[in-house]
PDB file of N, CA and C in Angstrom:
ATOM      1  N   MET A   1      -2.006  20.845 -21.783  1.00  0.00           N
ATOM      2  CA  MET A   1      -2.550  20.327 -20.011  1.00  0.00           C
ATOM      3  C   MET A   1      -2.869  21.071 -19.073  1.00  0.00           C
ATOM      4  N   LYS A   2      -4.282  21.361 -18.198  1.00  0.00           N
ATOM      5  CA  LYS A   2      -4.986  21.719 -17.324  1.00  0.00           C
ATOM      6  C   LYS A   2      -4.158  21.774 -16.594  1.00  0.00           C
ATOM      7  N   THR A   3      -3.977  23.082 -15.888  1.00  0.00           N
ATOM      8  CA  THR A   3      -3.213  23.686 -14.864  1.00  0.00           C
ATOM      9  C   THR A   3      -4.443  24.726 -13.738  1.00  0.00           C
ATOM     10  N   VAL A   4      -4.304  23.912 -12.605  1.00  0.00           N
ATOM     11  CA  VAL A   4      -5.564  24.493 -11.417  1.00  0.00           C
ATOM     12  C   VAL A   4      -4.935  24.996 -10.291  1.00  0.00           C
ATOM     13  N   ASN A   5      -5.595  26.114  -9.522  1.00  0.00           N
ATOM     14  CA  ASN A   5      -4.726  25.748  -7.949  1.00  0.00           C
ATOM     15  C   ASN A   5      -4.876  25.293  -6.974  1.00  0.00           C
ATOM     16  N   ILE A   6      -4.362  25.445  -6.519  1.00  0.00           N
ATOM     17  CA  ILE A   6      -4.820  24.824  -4.805  1.00  0.00           C
ATOM     18  C   ILE A   6      -5.558  24.925  -4.120  1.00  0.00           C
ATOM     19  N   HIS A   7      -6.680  25.728  -4.421  1.00  0.00           N
ATOM     20  CA  HIS A   7      -7.991  25.690  -3.866  1.00  0.00           C
ATOM     21  C   HIS A   7      -8.632  24.849  -4.678  1.00  0.00           C
ATOM     22  N   GLU A   8      -8.605  25.463  -6.181  1.00  0.00           N
ATOM     23  CA  GLU A   8      -9.761  24.708  -6.874  1.00  0.00           C
ATOM     24  C   GLU A   8      -9.550  23.392  -7.183  1.00  0.00           C
ATOM     25  N   ALA A   9      -8.353  22.594  -6.867  1.00  0.00           N
ATOM     26  CA  ALA A   9      -8.150  21.240  -6.659  1.00  0.00           C
ATOM     27  C   ALA A   9      -8.621  20.380  -5.262  1.00  0.00           C
ATOM     28  N   LYS A  10      -8.517  20.960  -4.470  1.00  0.00           N
ATOM     29  CA  LYS A  10      -8.775  20.904  -3.407  1.00  0.00           C
ATOM     30  C   LYS A  10     -10.776  20.611  -2.917  1.00  0.00           C
ATOM     31  N   THR A  11     -11.337  21.836  -3.719  1.00  0.00           N
ATOM     32  CA  THR A  11     -12.357  22.402  -4.479  1.00  0.00           C
ATOM     33  C   THR A  11     -13.263  20.604  -5.284  1.00  0.00           C
ATOM     34  N   HIS A  12     -12.670  20.092  -6.014  1.00  0.00           N
ATOM     35  CA  HIS A  12     -12.640  19.399  -7.167  1.00  0.00           C
ATOM     36  C   HIS A  12     -11.716  18.510  -7.414  1.00  0.00           C
ATOM     37  N   LEU A  13     -11.382  17.674  -5.989  1.00  0.00           N
ATOM     38  CA  LEU A  13     -10.127  16.941  -6.308  1.00  0.00           C
ATOM     39  C   LEU A  13     -10.901  15.525  -6.882  1.00  0.00           C
ATOM     40  N   SER A  14     -12.202  15.042  -6.333  1.00  0.00           N
ATOM     41  CA  SER A  14     -13.020  13.436  -7.331  1.00  0.00           C
ATOM     42  C   SER A  14     -12.910  13.934  -8.830  1.00  0.00           C
ATOM     43  N   ARG A  15     -13.350  15.249  -9.499  1.00  0.00           N
ATOM     44  CA  ARG A  15     -13.614  15.630 -10.328  1.00  0.00           C
ATOM     45  C   ARG A  15     -12.312  15.530 -11.595  1.00  0.00           C
ATOM     46  N   LEU A  16     -11.416  15.997 -10.589  1.00  0.00           N
ATOM     47  CA  LEU A  16      -9.932  16.788 -11.490  1.00  0.00           C
ATOM     48  C   LEU A  16      -9.083  14.830 -11.318  1.00  0.00           C
ATOM     49  N   ILE A  17      -9.243  14.115 -10.469  1.00  0.00           N
ATOM     50  CA  ILE A  17      -8.876  12.844 -10.335  1.00  0.00           C
ATOM     51  C   ILE A  17      -9.338  11.660 -11.283  1.00  0.00           C
ATOM     52  N   GLU A  18     -10.873  11.638 -11.471  1.00  0.00           N
ATOM     53  CA  GLU A  18     -10.977  11.533 -12.447  1.00  0.00           C
ATOM     54  C   GLU A  18     -11.421  11.413 -14.121  1.00  0.00           C
ATOM     55  N   GLY A  19     -11.273  12.572 -14.244  1.00  0.00           N
ATOM     56  CA  GLY A  19     -10.365  13.159 -15.231  1.00  0.00           C
ATOM     57  C   GLY A  19      -9.256  12.522 -15.517  1.00  0.00           C
ATOM     58  N   ALA A  20      -7.916  12.822 -14.904  1.00  0.00           N
ATOM     59  CA  ALA A  20      -6.862  12.523 -15.073  1.00  0.00           C
ATOM     60  C   ALA A  20      -6.471  10.892 -15.345  1.00  0.00           C
ATOM     61  N   VAL A  21      -7.795   9.705 -14.770  1.00  0.00           N
ATOM     62  CA  VAL A  21      -7.808   8.338 -15.068  1.00  0.00           C
ATOM     63  C   VAL A  21      -7.928   8.395 -16.314  1.00  0.00           C
ATOM     64  N   ASN A  22      -8.729   9.353 -16.446  1.00  0.00           N
ATOM     65  CA  ASN A  22      -9.233   8.987 -18.243  1.00  0.00           C
ATOM     66  C   ASN A  22      -8.541   9.814 -18.929  1.00  0.00           C
ATOM     67  N   GLY A  23      -7.642  10.123 -18.979  1.00  0.00           N
ATOM     68  CA  GLY A  23      -6.402  10.406 -19.838  1.00  0.00           C
ATOM     69  C   GLY A  23      -6.534  11.821 -19.641  1.00  0.00           C
ATOM     70  N   GLU A  24      -6.682  12.598 -18.598  1.00  0.00           N
ATOM     71  CA  GLU A  24      -6.851  14.283 -18.705  1.00  0.00           C
ATOM     72  C   GLU A  24      -5.653  14.658 -17.787  1.00  0.00           C
ATOM     73  N   PRO A  25      -4.420  14.472 -17.887  1.00  0.00           N
ATOM     74  CA  PRO A  25      -3.806  14.577 -16.328  1.00  0.00           C
ATOM     75  C   PRO A  25      -3.605  16.424 -16.556  1.00  0.00           C
ATOM     76  N   PHE A  26      -3.318  16.468 -15.031  1.00  0.00           N
ATOM     77  CA  PHE A  26      -3.661  17.907 -14.832  1.00  0.00           C
ATOM     78  C   PHE A  26      -2.335  18.728 -13.933  1.00  0.00           C
ATOM     79  N   VAL A  27      -1.788  20.070 -14.025  1.00  0.00           N
ATOM     80  CA  VAL A  27      -1.087  20.831 -12.719  1.00  0.00           C
ATOM     81  C   VAL A  27      -1.599  21.176 -11.828  1.00  0.00           C
ATOM     82  N   ILE A  28      -1.333  20.920 -10.790  1.00  0.00           N
ATOM     83  CA  ILE A  28      -1.501  21.552  -9.599  1.00  0.00           C
ATOM     84  C   ILE A  28      -0.579  23.037  -9.440  1.00  0.00           C
ATOM     85  N   ALA A  29      -1.158  24.168  -9.128  1.00  0.00           N
ATOM     86  CA  ALA A  29      -0.423  25.256  -9.048  1.00  0.00           C
ATOM     87  C   ALA A  29      -0.224  25.977  -7.705  1.00  0.00           C
ATOM     88  N   LYS A  30       0.683  26.439  -7.176  1.00  0.00           N
ATOM     89  CA  LYS A  30       0.448  27.936  -5.976  1.00  0.00           C
ATOM     90  C   LYS A  30       1.209  29.011  -6.591  1.00  0.00           C
ATOM     91  N   ALA A  31       0.013  29.773  -6.169  1.00  0.00           N
ATOM     92  CA  ALA A  31       0.421  31.008  -6.881  1.00  0.00           C
ATOM     93  C   ALA A  31       1.286  31.329  -8.206  1.00  0.00           C
ATOM     94  N   GLY A  32       0.655  30.189  -9.007  1.00  0.00           N
ATOM     95  CA  GLY A  32       0.649  30.757 -10.702  1.00  0.00           C
ATOM     96  C   GLY A  32       1.851  29.741 -10.555  1.00  0.00           C
ATOM     97  N   LYS A  33       2.567  29.175  -9.875  1.00  0.00           N
ATOM     98  CA  LYS A  33       3.556  28.680  -9.751  1.00  0.00           C
ATOM     99  C   LYS A  33       3.622  26.816  -9.974  1.00  0.00           C
ATOM    100  N   PRO A  34       3.705  26.019 -10.611  1.00  0.00           N
ATOM    101  CA  PRO A  34       3.581  24.750 -10.950  1.00  0.00           C
ATOM    102  C   PRO A  34       4.026  24.443 -10.174  1.00  0.00           C
ATOM    103  N   MET A  35       3.752  23.225  -9.056  1.00  0.00           N
ATOM    104  CA  MET A  35       4.167  22.654  -8.004  1.00  0.00           C
ATOM    105  C   MET A  35       4.119  20.974  -8.466  1.00  0.00           C
ATOM    106  N   VAL A  36       3.075  20.439  -8.928  1.00  0.00           N
ATOM    107  CA  VAL A  36       2.665  18.891  -9.048  1.00  0.00           C
ATOM    108  C   VAL A  36       2.392  18.377  -9.906  1.00  0.00           C
ATOM    109  N   LYS A  37       2.310  17.312 -10.981  1.00  0.00           N
ATOM    110  CA  LYS A  37       1.580  16.545 -11.724  1.00  0.00           C
ATOM    111  C   LYS A  37       0.489  15.435 -11.046  1.00  0.00           C
ATOM    112  N   VAL A  38      -0.339  15.430 -11.776  1.00  0.00           N
ATOM    113  CA  VAL A  38      -1.292  14.148 -11.554  1.00  0.00           C
ATOM    114  C   VAL A  38      -1.713  13.560 -12.751  1.00  0.00           C
ATOM    115  N   VAL A  39      -0.931  12.199 -12.675  1.00  0.00           N
ATOM    116  CA  VAL A  39      -1.037  11.470 -13.911  1.00  0.00           C
ATOM    117  C   VAL A  39      -1.757  10.196 -13.128  1.00  0.00           C
ATOM    118  N   PRO A  40      -2.245   9.799 -14.474  1.00  0.00           N
ATOM    119  CA  PRO A  40      -2.825   7.777 -13.708  1.00  0.00           C
ATOM    120  C   PRO A  40      -1.545   7.106 -13.707  1.00  0.00           C
ATOM    121  N   ILE A  41      -1.852   5.726 -12.781  1.00  0.00           N
ATOM    122  CA  ILE A  41      -0.786   5.134 -12.651  1.00  0.00           C
ATOM    123  C   ILE A  41      -0.532   4.108 -14.073  1.00  0.00           C
ATOM    124  N   GLU A  42       0.081   4.017 -14.316  1.00  0.00           N
ATOM    125  CA  GLU A  42       0.086   2.923 -15.849  1.00  0.00           C
ATOM    126  C   GLU A  42       0.002   1.295 -15.382  1.00  0.00           C
ATOM    127  N   GLU A  43       0.714   1.164 -14.537  1.00  0.00           N
ATOM    128  CA  GLU A  43       0.402  -0.360 -13.578  1.00  0.00           C
ATOM    129  C   GLU A  43      -0.972  -0.200 -12.480  1.00  0.00           C
ATOM    130  N   PRO A  44      -1.089  -1.399 -12.709  1.00  0.00           N
ATOM    131  CA  PRO A  44      -2.489  -1.846 -11.918  1.00  0.00           C
ATOM    132  C   PRO A  44      -1.954  -1.925 -10.491  1.00  0.00           C
ATOM    133  N   VAL A  45      -2.546  -1.297  -9.402  1.00  0.00           N
ATOM    134  CA  VAL A  45      -2.219  -1.228  -7.612  1.00  0.00           C
ATOM    135  C   VAL A  45      -2.870  -2.644  -7.363  1.00  0.00           C
ATOM    136  N   GLN A  46      -2.125  -3.167  -7.094  1.00  0.00           N
ATOM    137  CA  GLN A  46      -2.734  -5.002  -6.547  1.00  0.00           C
ATOM    138  C   GLN A  46      -3.268  -4.805  -5.350  1.00  0.00           C
ATOM    139  N   SER A  47      -4.508  -5.436  -5.385  1.00  0.00           N
ATOM    140  CA  SER A  47      -5.662  -5.040  -4.545  1.00  0.00           C
ATOM    141  C   SER A  47      -5.432  -5.765  -3.188  1.00  0.00           C
ATOM    142  N   GLY A  48      -4.002  -6.188  -2.588  1.00  0.00           N
ATOM    143  CA  GLY A  48      -3.714  -6.455  -1.530  1.00  0.00           C
ATOM    144  C   GLY A  48      -4.147  -7.897  -1.157  1.00  0.00           C
ATOM    145  N   LYS A  49      -5.290  -8.565  -1.821  1.00  0.00           N
ATOM    146  CA  LYS A  49      -5.531 -10.062  -1.980  1.00  0.00           C
ATOM    147  C   LYS A  49      -4.719 -10.677  -1.546  1.00  0.00           C
ATOM    148  N   ARG A  50      -4.741 -11.664  -0.617  1.00  0.00           N
ATOM    149  CA  ARG A  50      -3.762 -13.144  -0.492  1.00  0.00           C
ATOM    150  C   ARG A  50      -3.940 -14.015  -1.138  1.00  0.00           C
ATOM    151  N   ARG A  51      -2.803 -14.545  -1.517  1.00  0.00           N
ATOM    152  CA  ARG A  51      -3.322 -15.706  -2.777  1.00  0.00           C
ATOM    153  C   ARG A  51      -2.927 -17.200  -2.070  1.00  0.00           C
ATOM    154  N   LEU A  52      -3.540 -18.065  -1.614  1.00  0.00           N
ATOM    155  CA  LEU A  52      -3.522 -18.940  -0.750  1.00  0.00           C
ATOM    156  C   LEU A  52      -2.990 -19.937  -1.857  1.00  0.00           C
ATOM    157  N   GLY A  53      -2.138 -20.879  -1.077  1.00  0.00           N
ATOM    158  CA  GLY A  53      -1.519 -22.034  -1.791  1.00  0.00           C
ATOM    159  C   GLY A  53      -0.344 -21.303  -1.990  1.00  0.00           C
ATOM    160  N   PHE A  54       0.082 -20.563  -2.523  1.00  0.00           N
ATOM    161  CA  PHE A  54       1.322 -19.863  -3.527  1.00  0.00           C
ATOM    162  C   PHE A  54       2.544 -20.599  -2.920  1.00  0.00           C
ATOM    163  N   MET A  55       3.058 -20.733  -1.875  1.00  0.00           N
ATOM    164  CA  MET A  55       4.366 -21.486  -1.555  1.00  0.00           C
ATOM    165  C   MET A  55       3.843 -22.846  -1.110  1.00  0.00           C
ATOM    166  N   GLU A  56       2.965 -23.539  -1.363  1.00  0.00           N
ATOM    167  CA  GLU A  56       2.656 -25.133  -1.650  1.00  0.00           C
ATOM    168  C   GLU A  56       3.634 -25.509  -1.776  1.00  0.00           C
ATOM    169  N   GLY A  57       4.424 -26.537  -0.773  1.00  0.00           N
ATOM    170  CA  GLY A  57       5.193 -27.888  -1.591  1.00  0.00           C
ATOM    171  C   GLY A  57       6.805 -26.551  -1.202  1.00  0.00           C
ATOM    172  N   GLU A  58       6.934 -25.289  -0.719  1.00  0.00           N
ATOM    173  CA  GLU A  58       8.075 -24.727  -0.392  1.00  0.00           C
ATOM    174  C   GLU A  58       8.518 -24.783   0.658  1.00  0.00           C
ATOM    175  N   MET A  59       7.607 -25.324   2.065  1.00  0.00           N
ATOM    176  CA  MET A  59       8.385 -25.865   3.288  1.00  0.00           C
ATOM    177  C   MET A  59       7.410 -26.214   3.737  1.00  0.00           C
ATOM    178  N   THR A  60       8.336 -27.127   4.755  1.00  0.00           N
ATOM    179  CA  THR A  60       7.085 -27.841   5.812  1.00  0.00           C
ATOM    180  C   THR A  60       7.169 -27.371   7.157  1.00  0.00           C
ATOM    181  N   ILE A  61       6.284 -27.834   8.419  1.00  0.00           N
ATOM    182  CA  ILE A  61       6.642 -27.586   9.330  1.00  0.00           C
ATOM    183  C   ILE A  61       6.533 -28.715  10.271  1.00  0.00           C
ATOM    184  N   PRO A  62       7.492 -28.681  11.293  1.00  0.00           N
ATOM    185  CA  PRO A  62       7.618 -29.612  11.893  1.00  0.00           C
ATOM    186  C   PRO A  62       6.874 -30.069  12.996  1.00  0.00           C
ATOM    187  N   ASP A  63       6.446 -31.370  13.017  1.00  0.00           N
ATOM    188  CA  ASP A  63       5.669 -31.893  13.988  1.00  0.00           C
ATOM    189  C   ASP A  63       5.613 -31.763  15.516  1.00  0.00           C
ATOM    190  N   ASP A  64       6.452 -31.080  15.397  1.00  0.00           N
ATOM    191  CA  ASP A  64       6.357 -30.353  17.193  1.00  0.00           C
ATOM    192  C   ASP A  64       6.704 -28.785  17.345  1.00  0.00           C
ATOM    193  N   PHE A  65       5.701 -28.713  16.153  1.00  0.00           N
ATOM    194  CA  PHE A  65       5.951 -27.153  16.150  1.00  0.00           C
ATOM    195  C   PHE A  65       5.427 -26.509  16.949  1.00  0.00           C
ATOM    196  N   ASP A  66       3.855 -27.148  17.923  1.00  0.00           N
ATOM    197  CA  ASP A  66       3.017 -26.633  18.787  1.00  0.00           C
ATOM    198  C   ASP A  66       4.126 -26.597  20.817  1.00  0.00           C
ATOM    199  N   THR A  67       5.132 -27.116  20.552  1.00  0.00           N
ATOM    200  CA  THR A  67       5.856 -27.675  21.764  1.00  0.00           C
ATOM    201  C   THR A  67       7.424 -27.423  21.428  1.00  0.00           C
ATOM    202  N   PHE A  68       8.093 -26.577  20.184  1.00  0.00           N
ATOM    203  CA  PHE A  68       8.949 -26.659  20.047  1.00  0.00           C
ATOM    204  C   PHE A  68       9.826 -25.272  21.124  1.00  0.00           C
ATOM    205  N   ALA A  69      11.022 -25.695  21.756  1.00  0.00           N
ATOM    206  CA  ALA A  69      11.682 -25.055  22.804  1.00  0.00           C
ATOM    207  C   ALA A  69      10.777 -24.473  23.864  1.00  0.00           C
ATOM    208  N   GLN A  70       9.615 -25.065  24.248  1.00  0.00           N
ATOM    209  CA  GLN A  70       9.012 -24.783  24.769  1.00  0.00           C
ATOM    210  C   GLN A  70       9.737 -24.515  26.796  1.00  0.00           C
ATOM    211  N   ASP A  71      10.629 -25.339  26.730  1.00  0.00           N
ATOM    212  CA  ASP A  71      10.919 -25.395  28.032  1.00  0.00           C
ATOM    213  C   ASP A  71      11.890 -23.899  27.836  1.00  0.00           C
ATOM    214  N   GLU A  72      12.926 -24.074  26.985  1.00  0.00           N
ATOM    215  CA  GLU A  72      13.281 -22.374  26.840  1.00  0.00           C
ATOM    216  C   GLU A  72      12.695 -21.256  26.924  1.00  0.00           C
ATOM    217  N   ILE A  73      11.334 -21.446  26.424  1.00  0.00           N
ATOM    218  CA  ILE A  73      10.400 -20.159  26.527  1.00  0.00           C
ATOM    219  C   ILE A  73      10.076 -19.842  28.143  1.00  0.00           C
ATOM    220  N   GLU A  74       9.265 -21.476  28.622  1.00  0.00           N
ATOM    221  CA  GLU A  74       9.169 -21.162  30.021  1.00  0.00           C
ATOM    222  C   GLU A  74      10.073 -20.635  30.821  1.00  0.00           C
ATOM    223  N   LYS A  75      10.955 -20.668  30.875  1.00  0.00           N
ATOM    224  CA  LYS A  75      12.248 -20.191  31.754  1.00  0.00           C
ATOM    225  C   LYS A  75      12.332 -18.487  31.212  1.00  0.00           C
ATOM    226  N   LEU A  76      12.147 -18.574  30.045  1.00  0.00           N
ATOM    227  CA  LEU A  76      12.102 -16.991  29.635  1.00  0.00           C
ATOM    228  C   LEU A  76      11.241 -16.399  30.325  1.00  0.00           C
ATOM    229  N   PHE A  77      10.061 -16.797  30.323  1.00  0.00           N
ATOM    230  CA  PHE A  77       8.714 -16.197  31.173  1.00  0.00           C
ATOM    231  C   PHE A  77       8.437 -16.165  32.717  1.00  0.00           C
ATOM    232  N   TYR A  78       9.114 -17.627  33.064  1.00  0.00           N
ATOM    233  CA  TYR A  78       8.931 -17.910  34.704  1.00  0.00           C
ATOM    234  C   TYR A  78      10.057 -18.069  35.462  1.00  0.00           C
ATOM    235  N   GLY A  79      11.033 -18.028  34.639  1.00  0.00           N
ATOM    236  CA  GLY A  79      12.180 -17.981  35.020  1.00  0.00           C
ATOM    237  C   GLY A  79      12.820 -19.228  35.875  1.00  0.00           C
ATOM    238  N   GLU A  80      14.348 -20.139  35.495  1.00  0.00           N
ATOM    239  CA  GLU A  80      14.168 -20.925  36.370  1.00  0.00           C
ATOM    240  C   GLU A  80      13.994 -21.024  37.285  1.00  0.00           C
ATOM    241  N   GLU A  81      13.453 -22.715  37.641  1.00  0.00           N
ATOM    242  CA  GLU A  81      12.990 -23.502  38.793  1.00  0.00           C
ATOM    243  C   GLU A  81      13.793 -24.493  39.208  1.00  0.00           C
TER     244      GLU A  81
END
């Protein structure tokens, strides 16, 4: 396995990461002492895209959703009248 010092890792990080993704993991060393091992992630990282409709039918929204507890909320903001 390839070992690089911190300076070399900073200078060539993109190239080193590309190599790790393609099956060439590497070790970053400081003063010749191995510090970290860089290997590719086995599971793909979720892209963060939302799946629309994945909870369809799991919950309902009450008809009075927009006015629910309106009196109590107004009292909290404006005080008792």
